[in-house]
Amino acid sequence: MVSQDLLEILRCPACVREKPGLLVRTHDVWLICQDCGRKYPIVDDIPVMLIDEGDKWVNTASELLPVPPPAR
């Protein structure tokens, strides 16, 4: 599991320069940006914080996100 300390410092890479880019953990395996709605998977306890990865899921409702996230 991703530590709470790490979650407190992580920010959405697409938003962090202009907005807070705060992330919220969902289903214990997804991080959702509160500003843009990008969704970043957590795979093998490692957040995949790539903008392209977040873009793949931006239009997917949080309740429809696959658990566990698909392997890349």
C-alpha atoms as a PDB file:
ATOM      1  CA  MET A   1       0.000   0.000   0.000  1.00  0.00           C
ATOM      2  CA  VAL A   2       1.163   3.535  -0.770  1.00  0.00           C
ATOM      3  CA  SER A   3       2.155   5.359   2.409  1.00  0.00           C
ATOM      4  CA  GLN A   4       0.093   8.295   3.633  1.00  0.00           C
ATOM      5  CA  ASP A   5       3.269  10.431   3.704  1.00  0.00           C
ATOM      6  CA  LEU A   6       3.777   9.866  -0.021  1.00  0.00           C
ATOM      7  CA  LEU A   7       0.129  10.591  -0.798  1.00  0.00           C
ATOM      8  CA  GLU A   8       0.381  13.919   1.003  1.00  0.00           C
ATOM      9  CA  ILE A   9       3.170  15.156  -1.284  1.00  0.00           C
ATOM     10  CA  LEU A  10       2.022  13.678  -4.607  1.00  0.00           C
ATOM     11  CA  ARG A  11       0.311  16.084  -7.011  1.00  0.00           C
ATOM     12  CA  CYS A  12      -1.190  15.735 -10.475  1.00  0.00           C
ATOM     13  CA  PRO A  13       1.692  16.375 -12.913  1.00  0.00           C
ATOM     14  CA  ALA A  14      -0.683  18.063 -15.377  1.00  0.00           C
ATOM     15  CA  CYS A  15      -2.047  20.584 -12.854  1.00  0.00           C
ATOM     16  CA  VAL A  16       0.675  21.195 -10.296  1.00  0.00           C
ATOM     17  CA  ARG A  17       2.118  24.353 -11.907  1.00  0.00           C
ATOM     18  CA  GLU A  18      -1.197  26.220 -12.163  1.00  0.00           C
ATOM     19  CA  LYS A  19      -3.477  24.570  -9.608  1.00  0.00           C
ATOM     20  CA  PRO A  20      -3.066  22.568  -6.398  1.00  0.00           C
ATOM     21  CA  GLY A  21      -3.432  19.226  -8.235  1.00  0.00           C
ATOM     22  CA  LEU A  22      -4.586  17.486  -5.064  1.00  0.00           C
ATOM     23  CA  LEU A  23      -5.145  13.754  -5.384  1.00  0.00           C
ATOM     24  CA  VAL A  24      -7.696  11.563  -3.648  1.00  0.00           C
ATOM     25  CA  ARG A  25      -7.276   7.803  -3.332  1.00  0.00           C
ATOM     26  CA  THR A  26     -10.195   5.750  -4.661  1.00  0.00           C
ATOM     27  CA  HIS A  27     -10.676   1.980  -4.403  1.00  0.00           C
ATOM     28  CA  ASP A  28      -7.162   1.892  -2.818  1.00  0.00           C
ATOM     29  CA  VAL A  29      -5.648   1.551  -6.320  1.00  0.00           C
ATOM     30  CA  TRP A  30      -6.476   4.864  -8.043  1.00  0.00           C
ATOM     31  CA  LEU A  31      -5.516   8.497  -7.474  1.00  0.00           C
ATOM     32  CA  ILE A  32      -7.964  11.075  -8.845  1.00  0.00           C
ATOM     33  CA  CYS A  33      -7.009  14.715  -9.385  1.00  0.00           C
ATOM     34  CA  GLN A  34      -9.531  17.055  -7.800  1.00  0.00           C
ATOM     35  CA  ASP A  35      -8.793  19.763 -10.386  1.00  0.00           C
ATOM     36  CA  CYS A  36      -8.776  18.042 -13.784  1.00  0.00           C
ATOM     37  CA  GLY A  37     -10.275  14.614 -13.098  1.00  0.00           C
ATOM     38  CA  ARG A  38      -7.335  12.622 -14.430  1.00  0.00           C
ATOM     39  CA  LYS A  39      -7.089   9.205 -12.846  1.00  0.00           C
ATOM     40  CA  TYR A  40      -3.738   7.598 -12.097  1.00  0.00           C
ATOM     41  CA  PRO A  41      -3.490   3.880 -11.299  1.00  0.00           C
ATOM     42  CA  ILE A  42      -1.454   2.450  -8.448  1.00  0.00           C
ATOM     43  CA  VAL A  43       0.255  -0.693  -9.748  1.00  0.00           C
ATOM     44  CA  ASP A  44       2.243  -2.936  -7.384  1.00  0.00           C
ATOM     45  CA  ASP A  45       2.062  -0.171  -4.742  1.00  0.00           C
ATOM     46  CA  ILE A  46       3.614   2.366  -7.148  1.00  0.00           C
ATOM     47  CA  PRO A  47       1.554   5.335  -8.390  1.00  0.00           C
ATOM     48  CA  VAL A  48       1.847   5.650 -12.180  1.00  0.00           C
ATOM     49  CA  MET A  49       1.986   9.449 -12.371  1.00  0.00           C
ATOM     50  CA  LEU A  50       2.296   9.840 -16.145  1.00  0.00           C
ATOM     51  CA  ILE A  51       0.022  12.428 -17.761  1.00  0.00           C
ATOM     52  CA  ASP A  52      -0.669  10.054 -20.671  1.00  0.00           C
ATOM     53  CA  GLU A  53      -1.823   7.396 -18.208  1.00  0.00           C
ATOM     54  CA  GLY A  54      -4.106   9.872 -16.443  1.00  0.00           C
ATOM     55  CA  ASP A  55      -5.542  10.960 -19.809  1.00  0.00           C
ATOM     56  CA  LYS A  56      -6.643   7.389 -20.590  1.00  0.00           C
ATOM     57  CA  TRP A  57      -9.086   7.400 -17.688  1.00  0.00           C
ATOM     58  CA  VAL A  58     -10.197  11.042 -17.482  1.00  0.00           C
ATOM     59  CA  ASN A  59     -13.648  10.302 -18.970  1.00  0.00           C
ATOM     60  CA  THR A  60     -14.238   7.156 -16.890  1.00  0.00           C
ATOM     61  CA  ALA A  61     -16.475   7.582 -13.845  1.00  0.00           C
ATOM     62  CA  SER A  62     -14.676   6.657 -10.635  1.00  0.00           C
ATOM     63  CA  GLU A  63     -17.174   3.899  -9.856  1.00  0.00           C
ATOM     64  CA  LEU A  64     -16.376   2.277 -13.243  1.00  0.00           C
ATOM     65  CA  LEU A  65     -12.589   2.194 -12.810  1.00  0.00           C
ATOM     66  CA  PRO A  66     -11.236  -1.357 -12.986  1.00  0.00           C
ATOM     67  CA  VAL A  67      -9.973  -2.870  -9.756  1.00  0.00           C
ATOM     68  CA  PRO A  68      -7.178  -3.796  -9.941  1.00  0.00           C
ATOM     69  CA  PRO A  69      -5.989  -1.442 -12.688  1.00  0.00           C
ATOM     70  CA  PRO A  70      -5.001  -3.178 -15.931  1.00  0.00           C
ATOM     71  CA  ALA A  71      -1.337  -4.036 -16.438  1.00  0.00           C
ATOM     72  CA  ARG A  72       0.451  -1.661 -18.780  1.00  0.00           C
END
